[in-house]
PDB file of N, CA and C in Angstrom:
ATOM      1  N   MET A   1      89.394-157.990 -10.114  1.00  0.00           N
ATOM      2  CA  MET A   1      90.349-156.971  -9.742  1.00  0.00           C
ATOM      3  C   MET A   1      89.655-155.871  -8.976  1.00  0.00           C
ATOM      4  N   GLY A   2      90.458-155.191  -8.148  1.00  0.00           N
ATOM      5  CA  GLY A   2      89.885-154.120  -7.349  1.00  0.00           C
ATOM      6  C   GLY A   2      89.980-152.778  -8.057  1.00  0.00           C
ATOM      7  N   GLU A   3      89.193-151.863  -7.591  1.00  0.00           N
ATOM      8  CA  GLU A   3      89.218-150.516  -8.179  1.00  0.00           C
ATOM      9  C   GLU A   3      90.287-149.665  -7.501  1.00  0.00           C
ATOM     10  N   ILE A   4      90.863-148.774  -8.278  1.00  0.00           N
ATOM     11  CA  ILE A   4      91.848-147.820  -7.751  1.00  0.00           C
ATOM     12  C   ILE A   4      91.176-146.462  -7.716  1.00  0.00           C
ATOM     13  N   GLY A   5      91.174-145.850  -6.542  1.00  0.00           N
ATOM     14  CA  GLY A   5      90.560-144.531  -6.413  1.00  0.00           C
ATOM     15  C   GLY A   5      91.603-143.441  -6.604  1.00  0.00           C
ATOM     16  N   VAL A   6      91.293-142.423  -7.361  1.00  0.00           N
ATOM     17  CA  VAL A   6      92.196-141.287  -7.589  1.00  0.00           C
ATOM     18  C   VAL A   6      91.459-140.027  -7.178  1.00  0.00           C
ATOM     19  N   SER A   7      92.117-139.253  -6.382  1.00  0.00           N
ATOM     20  CA  SER A   7      91.508-138.002  -5.940  1.00  0.00           C
ATOM     21  C   SER A   7      92.330-136.852  -6.492  1.00  0.00           C
ATOM     22  N   VAL A   8      91.704-135.877  -7.093  1.00  0.00           N
ATOM     23  CA  VAL A   8      92.398-134.708  -7.659  1.00  0.00           C
ATOM     24  C   VAL A   8      91.826-133.465  -7.015  1.00  0.00           C
ATOM     25  N   ASP A   9      92.719-132.650  -6.453  1.00  0.00           N
ATOM     26  CA  ASP A   9      92.302-131.373  -5.858  1.00  0.00           C
ATOM     27  C   ASP A   9      92.431-130.312  -6.935  1.00  0.00           C
ATOM     28  N   THR A  10      91.335-129.919  -7.505  1.00  0.00           N
ATOM     29  CA  THR A  10      91.366-128.946  -8.598  1.00  0.00           C
ATOM     30  C   THR A  10      91.591-127.528  -8.105  1.00  0.00           C
ATOM     31  N   GLY A  11      91.474-127.291  -6.806  1.00  0.00           N
ATOM     32  CA  GLY A  11      91.689-125.943  -6.273  1.00  0.00           C
ATOM     33  C   GLY A  11      93.144-125.518  -6.318  1.00  0.00           C
ATOM     34  N   SER A  12      94.078-126.467  -6.268  1.00  0.00           N
ATOM     35  CA  SER A  12      95.496-126.122  -6.268  1.00  0.00           C
ATOM     36  C   SER A  12      96.104-126.143  -7.658  1.00  0.00           C
ATOM     37  N   VAL A  13      95.359-126.546  -8.630  1.00  0.00           N
ATOM     38  CA  VAL A  13      95.861-126.601  -9.996  1.00  0.00           C
ATOM     39  C   VAL A  13      95.696-125.220 -10.625  1.00  0.00           C
ATOM     40  N   LYS A  14      96.789-124.702 -11.184  1.00  0.00           N
ATOM     41  CA  LYS A  14      96.757-123.385 -11.814  1.00  0.00           C
ATOM     42  C   LYS A  14      96.874-123.552 -13.314  1.00  0.00           C
ATOM     43  N   THR A  15      96.238-122.678 -13.998  1.00  0.00           N
ATOM     44  CA  THR A  15      96.347-122.713 -15.456  1.00  0.00           C
ATOM     45  C   THR A  15      97.624-122.028 -15.878  1.00  0.00           C
ATOM     46  N   VAL A  16      98.068-122.284 -17.061  1.00  0.00           N
ATOM     47  CA  VAL A  16      99.267-121.659 -17.603  1.00  0.00           C
ATOM     48  C   VAL A  16      99.091-120.145 -17.653  1.00  0.00           C
ATOM     49  N   ALA A  17      97.892-119.706 -17.970  1.00  0.00           N
ATOM     50  CA  ALA A  17      97.627-118.267 -18.059  1.00  0.00           C
ATOM     51  C   ALA A  17      97.747-117.600 -16.693  1.00  0.00           C
ATOM     52  N   SER A  18      97.239-118.257 -15.637  1.00  0.00           N
ATOM     53  CA  SER A  18      97.318-117.649 -14.308  1.00  0.00           C
ATOM     54  C   SER A  18      98.758-117.623 -13.791  1.00  0.00           C
ATOM     55  N   VAL A  19      99.534-118.658 -14.109  1.00  0.00           N
ATOM     56  CA  VAL A  19     100.957-118.675 -13.723  1.00  0.00           C
ATOM     57  C   VAL A  19     101.702-117.557 -14.444  1.00  0.00           C
ATOM     58  N   GLY A  20     101.406-117.374 -15.722  1.00  0.00           N
ATOM     59  CA  GLY A  20     102.059-116.308 -16.489  1.00  0.00           C
ATOM     60  C   GLY A  20     101.716-114.934 -15.947  1.00  0.00           C
ATOM     61  N   ALA A  21     100.461-114.729 -15.561  1.00  0.00           N
ATOM     62  CA  ALA A  21     100.038-113.439 -15.011  1.00  0.00           C
ATOM     63  C   ALA A  21     100.709-113.191 -13.667  1.00  0.00           C
ATOM     64  N   GLU A  22     100.817-114.232 -12.842  1.00  0.00           N
ATOM     65  CA  GLU A  22     101.464-114.103 -11.539  1.00  0.00           C
ATOM     66  C   GLU A  22     102.947-113.762 -11.703  1.00  0.00           C
ATOM     67  N   ARG A  23     103.579-114.417 -12.641  1.00  0.00           N
ATOM     68  CA  ARG A  23     105.001-114.148 -12.897  1.00  0.00           C
ATOM     69  C   ARG A  23     105.193-112.706 -13.364  1.00  0.00           C
ATOM     70  N   SER A  24     104.322-112.248 -14.243  1.00  0.00           N
ATOM     71  CA  SER A  24     104.394-110.877 -14.748  1.00  0.00           C
ATOM     72  C   SER A  24     104.218-109.879 -13.606  1.00  0.00           C
ATOM     73  N   ASN A  25     103.288-110.168 -12.694  1.00  0.00           N
ATOM     74  CA  ASN A  25     103.046-109.307 -11.541  1.00  0.00           C
ATOM     75  C   ASN A  25     104.285-109.244 -10.637  1.00  0.00           C
ATOM     76  N   ILE A  26     104.914-110.380 -10.389  1.00  0.00           N
ATOM     77  CA  ILE A  26     106.125-110.435  -9.553  1.00  0.00           C
ATOM     78  C   ILE A  26     107.264-109.658 -10.222  1.00  0.00           C
ATOM     79  N   GLU A  27     107.432-109.816 -11.516  1.00  0.00           N
ATOM     80  CA  GLU A  27     108.486-109.094 -12.230  1.00  0.00           C
ATOM     81  C   GLU A  27     108.245-107.591 -12.170  1.00  0.00           C
ATOM     82  N   SER A  28     106.984-107.156 -12.273  1.00  0.00           N
ATOM     83  CA  SER A  28     106.660-105.727 -12.184  1.00  0.00           C
ATOM     84  C   SER A  28     107.031-105.185 -10.813  1.00  0.00           C
ATOM     85  N   ARG A  29     106.670-105.941  -9.765  1.00  0.00           N
ATOM     86  CA  ARG A  29     107.014-105.510  -8.408  1.00  0.00           C
ATOM     87  C   ARG A  29     108.524-105.443  -8.211  1.00  0.00           C
ATOM     88  N   ALA A  30     109.248-106.392  -8.760  1.00  0.00           N
ATOM     89  CA  ALA A  30     110.712-106.399  -8.639  1.00  0.00           C
ATOM     90  C   ALA A  30     111.322-105.174  -9.305  1.00  0.00           C
ATOM     91  N   LYS A  31     110.770-104.782 -10.458  1.00  0.00           N
ATOM     92  CA  LYS A  31     111.274-103.589 -11.149  1.00  0.00           C
ATOM     93  C   LYS A  31     111.042-102.339 -10.319  1.00  0.00           C
ATOM     94  N   VAL A  32     109.878-102.232  -9.681  1.00  0.00           N
ATOM     95  CA  VAL A  32     109.575-101.076  -8.823  1.00  0.00           C
ATOM     96  C   VAL A  32     110.527-101.042  -7.630  1.00  0.00           C
ATOM     97  N   ILE A  33     110.754-102.202  -7.019  1.00  0.00           N
ATOM     98  CA  ILE A  33     111.667-102.269  -5.873  1.00  0.00           C
ATOM     99  C   ILE A  33     113.073-101.879  -6.299  1.00  0.00           C
ATOM    100  N   ASN A  34     113.540-102.377  -7.425  1.00  0.00           N
ATOM    101  CA  ASN A  34     114.875-102.037  -7.915  1.00  0.00           C
ATOM    102  C   ASN A  34     114.990-100.545  -8.195  1.00  0.00           C
ATOM    103  N   ALA A  35     113.965 -99.950  -8.770  1.00  0.00           N
ATOM    104  CA  ALA A  35     113.988 -98.510  -9.053  1.00  0.00           C
ATOM    105  C   ALA A  35     114.047 -97.717  -7.748  1.00  0.00           C
ATOM    106  N   ASN A  36     113.280 -98.141  -6.750  1.00  0.00           N
ATOM    107  CA  ASN A  36     113.302 -97.464  -5.449  1.00  0.00           C
ATOM    108  C   ASN A  36     114.668 -97.582  -4.786  1.00  0.00           C
ATOM    109  N   GLN A  37     115.297 -98.752  -4.892  1.00  0.00           N
ATOM    110  CA  GLN A  37     116.623 -98.942  -4.316  1.00  0.00           C
ATOM    111  C   GLN A  37     117.646 -98.049  -5.009  1.00  0.00           C
ATOM    112  N   ARG A  38     117.571 -97.936  -6.339  1.00  0.00           N
ATOM    113  CA  ARG A  38     118.499 -97.063  -7.062  1.00  0.00           C
ATOM    114  C   ARG A  38     118.329 -95.625  -6.622  1.00  0.00           C
ATOM    115  N   ASP A  39     117.081 -95.174  -6.443  1.00  0.00           N
ATOM    116  CA  ASP A  39     116.832 -93.809  -5.994  1.00  0.00           C
ATOM    117  C   ASP A  39     117.396 -93.591  -4.591  1.00  0.00           C
ATOM    118  N   SER A  40     117.236 -94.574  -3.710  1.00  0.00           N
ATOM    119  CA  SER A  40     117.759 -94.468  -2.352  1.00  0.00           C
ATOM    120  C   SER A  40     119.277 -94.362  -2.366  1.00  0.00           C
ATOM    121  N   VAL A  41     119.923 -95.174  -3.194  1.00  0.00           N
ATOM    122  CA  VAL A  41     121.384 -95.131  -3.295  1.00  0.00           C
ATOM    123  C   VAL A  41     121.835 -93.769  -3.815  1.00  0.00           C
ATOM    124  N   ARG A  42     121.131 -93.234  -4.810  1.00  0.00           N
ATOM    125  CA  ARG A  42     121.489 -91.914  -5.331  1.00  0.00           C
ATOM    126  C   ARG A  42     121.349 -90.844  -4.264  1.00  0.00           C
ATOM    127  N   ASN A  43     120.272 -90.903  -3.464  1.00  0.00           N
ATOM    128  CA  ASN A  43     120.069 -89.917  -2.402  1.00  0.00           C
ATOM    129  C   ASN A  43     121.165 -90.008  -1.354  1.00  0.00           C
ATOM    130  N   VAL A  44     121.529 -91.228  -0.955  1.00  0.00           N
ATOM    131  CA  VAL A  44     122.596 -91.408   0.028  1.00  0.00           C
ATOM    132  C   VAL A  44     123.915 -90.900  -0.541  1.00  0.00           C
ATOM    133  N   SER A  45     124.171 -91.190  -1.817  1.00  0.00           N
ATOM    134  CA  SER A  45     125.407 -90.737  -2.448  1.00  0.00           C
ATOM    135  C   SER A  45     125.477 -89.219  -2.475  1.00  0.00           C
ATOM    136  N   ALA A  46     124.374 -88.564  -2.777  1.00  0.00           N
ATOM    137  CA  ALA A  46     124.353 -87.099  -2.813  1.00  0.00           C
ATOM    138  C   ALA A  46     124.590 -86.525  -1.426  1.00  0.00           C
ATOM    139  N   GLU A  47     123.947 -87.119  -0.401  1.00  0.00           N
ATOM    140  CA  GLU A  47     124.143 -86.650   0.970  1.00  0.00           C
ATOM    141  C   GLU A  47     125.590 -86.863   1.408  1.00  0.00           C
ATOM    142  N   THR A  48     126.164 -88.015   1.069  1.00  0.00           N
ATOM    143  CA  THR A  48     127.546 -88.309   1.441  1.00  0.00           C
ATOM    144  C   THR A  48     128.490 -87.322   0.763  1.00  0.00           C
ATOM    145  N   THR A  49     128.263 -87.038  -0.489  1.00  0.00           N
ATOM    146  CA  THR A  49     129.111 -86.106  -1.216  1.00  0.00           C
ATOM    147  C   THR A  49     129.057 -84.724  -0.577  1.00  0.00           C
ATOM    148  N   GLU A  50     127.876 -84.279  -0.168  1.00  0.00           N
ATOM    149  CA  GLU A  50     127.747 -82.976   0.481  1.00  0.00           C
ATOM    150  C   GLU A  50     128.473 -82.958   1.820  1.00  0.00           C
ATOM    151  N   SER A  51     128.334 -84.029   2.611  1.00  0.00           N
ATOM    152  CA  SER A  51     129.000 -84.058   3.905  1.00  0.00           C
ATOM    153  C   SER A  51     130.512 -84.169   3.730  1.00  0.00           C
ATOM    154  N   GLU A  52     130.963 -84.926   2.737  1.00  0.00           N
ATOM    155  CA  GLU A  52     132.395 -85.020   2.471  1.00  0.00           C
ATOM    156  C   GLU A  52     132.952 -83.661   2.054  1.00  0.00           C
ATOM    157  N   ALA A  53     132.187 -82.923   1.258  1.00  0.00           N
ATOM    158  CA  ALA A  53     132.623 -81.594   0.826  1.00  0.00           C
ATOM    159  C   ALA A  53     132.748 -80.664   2.021  1.00  0.00           C
ATOM    160  N   ALA A  54     131.813 -80.759   2.950  1.00  0.00           N
ATOM    161  CA  ALA A  54     131.870 -79.915   4.144  1.00  0.00           C
ATOM    162  C   ALA A  54     133.104 -80.251   4.986  1.00  0.00           C
ATOM    163  N   VAL A  55     133.389 -81.554   5.122  1.00  0.00           N
ATOM    164  CA  VAL A  55     134.565 -81.971   5.886  1.00  0.00           C
ATOM    165  C   VAL A  55     135.838 -81.513   5.190  1.00  0.00           C
ATOM    166  N   LEU A  56     135.908 -81.692   3.886  1.00  0.00           N
ATOM    167  CA  LEU A  56     137.099 -81.271   3.146  1.00  0.00           C
ATOM    168  C   LEU A  56     137.299 -79.765   3.225  1.00  0.00           C
ATOM    169  N   LYS A  57     136.219 -79.016   3.169  1.00  0.00           N
ATOM    170  CA  LYS A  57     136.322 -77.565   3.279  1.00  0.00           C
ATOM    171  C   LYS A  57     136.876 -77.171   4.638  1.00  0.00           C
ATOM    172  N   ARG A  58     136.360 -77.839   5.683  1.00  0.00           N
ATOM    173  CA  ARG A  58     136.842 -77.519   7.026  1.00  0.00           C
ATOM    174  C   ARG A  58     138.294 -77.947   7.206  1.00  0.00           C
ATOM    175  N   LEU A  59     138.672 -79.072   6.612  1.00  0.00           N
ATOM    176  CA  LEU A  59     140.039 -79.553   6.753  1.00  0.00           C
ATOM    177  C   LEU A  59     141.043 -78.761   5.925  1.00  0.00           C
ATOM    178  N   SER A  60     140.571 -78.033   4.936  1.00  0.00           N
ATOM    179  CA  SER A  60     141.499 -77.264   4.116  1.00  0.00           C
ATOM    180  C   SER A  60     142.023 -76.032   4.841  1.00  0.00           C
ATOM    181  N   ASN A  61     141.362 -75.636   5.917  1.00  0.00           N
ATOM    182  CA  ASN A  61     141.775 -74.458   6.682  1.00  0.00           C
ATOM    183  C   ASN A  61     142.196 -74.846   8.084  1.00  0.00           C
ATOM    184  N   VAL A  62     143.143 -75.776   8.196  1.00  0.00           N
ATOM    185  CA  VAL A  62     143.569 -76.221   9.523  1.00  0.00           C
ATOM    186  C   VAL A  62     145.068 -76.043   9.695  1.00  0.00           C
ATOM    187  N   LYS A  63     145.444 -75.946  10.969  1.00  0.00           N
ATOM    188  CA  LYS A  63     146.854 -75.955  11.352  1.00  0.00           C
ATOM    189  C   LYS A  63     147.070 -77.160  12.241  1.00  0.00           C
ATOM    190  N   LEU A  64     148.229 -77.742  12.135  1.00  0.00           N
ATOM    191  CA  LEU A  64     148.558 -78.943  12.880  1.00  0.00           C
ATOM    192  C   LEU A  64     149.711 -78.631  13.819  1.00  0.00           C
ATOM    193  N   ALA A  65     149.575 -79.029  15.080  1.00  0.00           N
ATOM    194  CA  ALA A  65     150.643 -78.847  16.060  1.00  0.00           C
ATOM    195  C   ALA A  65     150.935 -80.191  16.716  1.00  0.00           C
ATOM    196  N   ILE A  66     152.199 -80.581  16.693  1.00  0.00           N
ATOM    197  CA  ILE A  66     152.607 -81.832  17.329  1.00  0.00           C
ATOM    198  C   ILE A  66     153.607 -81.486  18.423  1.00  0.00           C
ATOM    199  N   THR A  67     153.272 -81.894  19.640  1.00  0.00           N
ATOM    200  CA  THR A  67     154.144 -81.612  20.788  1.00  0.00           C
ATOM    201  C   THR A  67     154.306 -82.895  21.600  1.00  0.00           C
ATOM    202  N   ILE A  68     155.193 -82.835  22.593  1.00  0.00           N
ATOM    203  CA  ILE A  68     155.372 -83.952  23.523  1.00  0.00           C
ATOM    204  C   ILE A  68     154.930 -83.465  24.899  1.00  0.00           C
ATOM    205  N   ASP A  69     153.973 -84.166  25.488  1.00  0.00           N
ATOM    206  CA  ASP A  69     153.560 -83.855  26.852  1.00  0.00           C
ATOM    207  C   ASP A  69     154.603 -84.492  27.764  1.00  0.00           C
ATOM    208  N   GLU A  70     155.405 -83.653  28.414  1.00  0.00           N
ATOM    209  CA  GLU A  70     156.540 -84.175  29.176  1.00  0.00           C
ATOM    210  C   GLU A  70     156.116 -84.953  30.413  1.00  0.00           C
ATOM    211  N   SER A  71     155.043 -84.552  31.075  1.00  0.00           N
ATOM    212  CA  SER A  71     154.638 -85.281  32.279  1.00  0.00           C
ATOM    213  C   SER A  71     154.046 -86.650  31.941  1.00  0.00           C
ATOM    214  N   ALA A  72     153.385 -86.769  30.790  1.00  0.00           N
ATOM    215  CA  ALA A  72     152.846 -88.067  30.374  1.00  0.00           C
ATOM    216  C   ALA A  72     153.809 -88.795  29.448  1.00  0.00           C
ATOM    217  N   ASP A  73     154.803 -88.073  28.932  1.00  0.00           N
ATOM    218  CA  ASP A  73     155.790 -88.609  28.001  1.00  0.00           C
ATOM    219  C   ASP A  73     155.115 -89.223  26.768  1.00  0.00           C
ATOM    220  N   LEU A  74     154.147 -88.461  26.218  1.00  0.00           N
ATOM    221  CA  LEU A  74     153.407 -88.907  25.038  1.00  0.00           C
ATOM    222  C   LEU A  74     153.340 -87.791  24.007  1.00  0.00           C
ATOM    223  N   PRO A  75     153.342 -88.159  22.722  1.00  0.00           N
ATOM    224  CA  PRO A  75     153.129 -87.132  21.699  1.00  0.00           C
ATOM    225  C   PRO A  75     151.666 -86.677  21.727  1.00  0.00           C
ATOM    226  N   VAL A  76     151.454 -85.391  21.489  1.00  0.00           N
ATOM    227  CA  VAL A  76     150.109 -84.819  21.461  1.00  0.00           C
ATOM    228  C   VAL A  76     149.940 -84.106  20.123  1.00  0.00           C
ATOM    229  N   ILE A  77     148.881 -84.443  19.413  1.00  0.00           N
ATOM    230  CA  ILE A  77     148.588 -83.830  18.123  1.00  0.00           C
ATOM    231  C   ILE A  77     147.344 -82.975  18.290  1.00  0.00           C
ATOM    232  N   LYS A  78     147.459 -81.703  17.913  1.00  0.00           N
ATOM    233  CA  LYS A  78     146.312 -80.800  17.984  1.00  0.00           C
ATOM    234  C   LYS A  78     146.051 -80.237  16.597  1.00  0.00           C
ATOM    235  N   ILE A  79     144.773 -80.183  16.237  1.00  0.00           N
ATOM    236  CA  ILE A  79     144.359 -79.606  14.959  1.00  0.00           C
ATOM    237  C   ILE A  79     143.529 -78.371  15.266  1.00  0.00           C
ATOM    238  N   PHE A  80     143.922 -77.242  14.669  1.00  0.00           N
ATOM    239  CA  PHE A  80     143.262 -75.965  14.902  1.00  0.00           C
ATOM    240  C   PHE A  80     142.640 -75.447  13.615  1.00  0.00           C
ATOM    241  N   ASP A  81     141.546 -74.709  13.742  1.00  0.00           N
ATOM    242  CA  ASP A  81     140.971 -73.973  12.619  1.00  0.00           C
ATOM    243  C   ASP A  81     141.875 -72.768  12.401  1.00  0.00           C
ATOM    244  N   SER A  82     142.440 -72.650  11.202  1.00  0.00           N
ATOM    245  CA  SER A  82     143.414 -71.583  10.963  1.00  0.00           C
ATOM    246  C   SER A  82     142.779 -70.199  10.945  1.00  0.00           C
ATOM    247  N   GLU A  83     141.495 -70.097  10.635  1.00  0.00           N
ATOM    248  CA  GLU A  83     140.842 -68.788  10.617  1.00  0.00           C
ATOM    249  C   GLU A  83     140.502 -68.300  12.018  1.00  0.00           C
ATOM    250  N   SER A  84     139.901 -69.164  12.835  1.00  0.00           N
ATOM    251  CA  SER A  84     139.465 -68.739  14.167  1.00  0.00           C
ATOM    252  C   SER A  84     140.482 -69.066  15.254  1.00  0.00           C
ATOM    253  N   GLY A  85     141.395 -69.994  14.986  1.00  0.00           N
ATOM    254  CA  GLY A  85     142.355 -70.410  15.999  1.00  0.00           C
ATOM    255  C   GLY A  85     141.772 -71.414  16.982  1.00  0.00           C
ATOM    256  N   GLU A  86     140.510 -71.792  16.769  1.00  0.00           N
ATOM    257  CA  GLU A  86     139.823 -72.721  17.658  1.00  0.00           C
ATOM    258  C   GLU A  86     140.398 -74.136  17.495  1.00  0.00           C
ATOM    259  N   GLU A  87     140.598 -74.813  18.627  1.00  0.00           N
ATOM    260  CA  GLU A  87     141.074 -76.196  18.584  1.00  0.00           C
ATOM    261  C   GLU A  87     139.927 -77.089  18.138  1.00  0.00           C
ATOM    262  N   ILE A  88     140.157 -77.854  17.084  1.00  0.00           N
ATOM    263  CA  ILE A  88     139.131 -78.759  16.571  1.00  0.00           C
ATOM    264  C   ILE A  88     139.202 -80.091  17.306  1.00  0.00           C
ATOM    265  N   ILE A  89     140.404 -80.624  17.424  1.00  0.00           N
ATOM    266  CA  ILE A  89     140.565 -81.930  18.088  1.00  0.00           C
ATOM    267  C   ILE A  89     141.983 -82.045  18.632  1.00  0.00           C
ATOM    268  N   GLN A  90     142.092 -82.853  19.683  1.00  0.00           N
ATOM    269  CA  GLN A  90     143.390 -83.177  20.259  1.00  0.00           C
ATOM    270  C   GLN A  90     143.455 -84.680  20.434  1.00  0.00           C
ATOM    271  N   VAL A  91     144.595 -85.270  20.020  1.00  0.00           N
ATOM    272  CA  VAL A  91     144.801 -86.709  20.153  1.00  0.00           C
ATOM    273  C   VAL A  91     146.128 -86.936  20.851  1.00  0.00           C
ATOM    274  N   PRO A  92     146.200 -87.652  21.950  1.00  0.00           N
ATOM    275  CA  PRO A  92     145.103 -88.160  22.749  1.00  0.00           C
ATOM    276  C   PRO A  92     144.381 -87.013  23.454  1.00  0.00           C
ATOM    277  N   ALA A  93     143.136 -87.251  23.822  1.00  0.00           N
ATOM    278  CA  ALA A  93     142.337 -86.233  24.487  1.00  0.00           C
ATOM    279  C   ALA A  93     142.938 -85.899  25.848  1.00  0.00           C
ATOM    280  N   GLU A  94     142.586 -84.740  26.351  1.00  0.00           N
ATOM    281  CA  GLU A  94     143.134 -84.263  27.633  1.00  0.00           C
ATOM    282  C   GLU A  94     142.866 -85.254  28.761  1.00  0.00           C
ATOM    283  N   HIS A  95     141.676 -85.813  28.812  1.00  0.00           N
ATOM    284  CA  HIS A  95     141.366 -86.780  29.881  1.00  0.00           C
ATOM    285  C   HIS A  95     142.217 -88.041  29.762  1.00  0.00           C
ATOM    286  N   SER A  96     142.574 -88.430  28.560  1.00  0.00           N
ATOM    287  CA  SER A  96     143.452 -89.591  28.382  1.00  0.00           C
ATOM    288  C   SER A  96     144.853 -89.284  28.903  1.00  0.00           C
ATOM    289  N   LEU A  97     145.313 -88.067  28.667  1.00  0.00           N
ATOM    290  CA  LEU A  97     146.619 -87.662  29.208  1.00  0.00           C
ATOM    291  C   LEU A  97     146.590 -87.681  30.733  1.00  0.00           C
ATOM    292  N   ASN A  98     145.503 -87.190  31.324  1.00  0.00           N
ATOM    293  CA  ASN A  98     145.384 -87.182  32.785  1.00  0.00           C
ATOM    294  C   ASN A  98     145.379 -88.598  33.343  1.00  0.00           C
ATOM    295  N   ILE A  99     144.696 -89.519  32.671  1.00  0.00           N
ATOM    296  CA  ILE A  99     144.680 -90.920  33.120  1.00  0.00           C
ATOM    297  C   ILE A  99     146.091 -91.500  33.053  1.00  0.00           C
ATOM    298  N   SER A 100     146.803 -91.225  31.972  1.00  0.00           N
ATOM    299  CA  SER A 100     148.170 -91.720  31.828  1.00  0.00           C
ATOM    300  C   SER A 100     149.073 -91.171  32.928  1.00  0.00           C
ATOM    301  N   LYS A 101     148.934 -89.896  33.233  1.00  0.00           N
ATOM    302  CA  LYS A 101     149.740 -89.280  34.306  1.00  0.00           C
ATOM    303  C   LYS A 101     149.429 -89.938  35.649  1.00  0.00           C
ATOM    304  N   THR A 102     148.149 -90.187  35.914  1.00  0.00           N
ATOM    305  CA  THR A 102     147.740 -90.798  37.182  1.00  0.00           C
ATOM    306  C   THR A 102     148.304 -92.210  37.301  1.00  0.00           C
ATOM    307  N   ILE A 103     148.251 -92.975  36.229  1.00  0.00           N
ATOM    308  CA  ILE A 103     148.780 -94.348  36.247  1.00  0.00           C
ATOM    309  C   ILE A 103     150.286 -94.324  36.472  1.00  0.00           C
ATOM    310  N   LYS A 104     150.983 -93.432  35.788  1.00  0.00           N
ATOM    311  CA  LYS A 104     152.444 -93.352  35.971  1.00  0.00           C
ATOM    312  C   LYS A 104     152.792 -92.966  37.401  1.00  0.00           C
ATOM    313  N   ALA A 105     152.018 -92.048  37.981  1.00  0.00           N
ATOM    314  CA  ALA A 105     152.274 -91.641  39.367  1.00  0.00           C
ATOM    315  C   ALA A 105     152.031 -92.817  40.319  1.00  0.00           C
ATOM    316  N   ALA A 106     150.970 -93.600  40.086  1.00  0.00           N
ATOM    317  CA  ALA A 106     150.665 -94.742  40.939  1.00  0.00           C
ATOM    318  C   ALA A 106     151.747 -95.814  40.824  1.00  0.00           C
ATOM    319  N   VAL A 107     152.189 -96.080  39.607  1.00  0.00           N
ATOM    320  CA  VAL A 107     153.254 -97.069  39.401  1.00  0.00           C
ATOM    321  C   VAL A 107     154.537 -96.595  40.069  1.00  0.00           C
ATOM    322  N   GLY A 108     154.815 -95.313  39.927  1.00  0.00           N
ATOM    323  CA  GLY A 108     156.010 -94.758  40.585  1.00  0.00           C
ATOM    324  C   GLY A 108     155.941 -94.895  42.095  1.00  0.00           C
ATOM    325  N   ALA A 109     154.776 -94.638  42.668  1.00  0.00           N
ATOM    326  CA  ALA A 109     154.613 -94.751  44.129  1.00  0.00           C
ATOM    327  C   ALA A 109     154.784 -96.200  44.576  1.00  0.00           C
ATOM    328  N   ILE A 110     154.303 -97.145  43.801  1.00  0.00           N
ATOM    329  CA  ILE A 110     154.427 -98.573  44.152  1.00  0.00           C
ATOM    330  C   ILE A 110     155.892 -98.985  44.147  1.00  0.00           C
ATOM    331  N   PHE A 111     156.632 -98.594  43.114  1.00  0.00           N
ATOM    332  CA  PHE A 111     158.039 -98.961  43.023  1.00  0.00           C
ATOM    333  C   PHE A 111     158.891 -98.237  44.072  1.00  0.00           C
ATOM    334  N   ASP A 112     158.512 -97.008  44.421  1.00  0.00           N
ATOM    335  CA  ASP A 112     159.247 -96.275  45.454  1.00  0.00           C
ATOM    336  C   ASP A 112     159.108 -96.979  46.795  1.00  0.00           C
ATOM    337  N   LYS A 113     157.925 -97.546  47.098  1.00  0.00           N
ATOM    338  CA  LYS A 113     157.695 -98.235  48.363  1.00  0.00           C
ATOM    339  C   LYS A 113     158.462 -99.549  48.415  1.00  0.00           C
ATOM    340  N   ARG A 114     158.639-100.211  47.285  1.00  0.00           N
ATOM    341  CA  ARG A 114     159.357-101.489  47.242  1.00  0.00           C
ATOM    342  C   ARG A 114     160.857-101.274  47.411  1.00  0.00           C
ATOM    343  N   ALA A 115     161.358-100.176  46.960  1.00  0.00           N
ATOM    344  CA  ALA A 115     162.800 -99.948  46.985  1.00  0.00           C
ATOM    345  C   ALA A 115     163.285 -99.544  48.310  1.00  0.00           C
TER     346      ALA A 115
END
């Protein structure tokens, strides 16, 4: 009968103790990462709460005006700071109203030429 050769690479074989130590090390790192993530979430939550409070404070002192822009035939909503009277925002924006007026004028000119 012939001989059977067996080759064993002992460099890749780990002992139970080394596997246990490696697992413990990985678990420790995971706990540190989880703690860091929780701290990051808390910091973001605190920042969000502060910014939300600032927005709510600003929104509590506003006046709302709703009008119809007759040349564009669109509703316009304006929000003003009630203390200073300063316009905070307008929807649609003034440039959007101007674009709408220009398009309506162009369409009107096209139809006037056809008629």
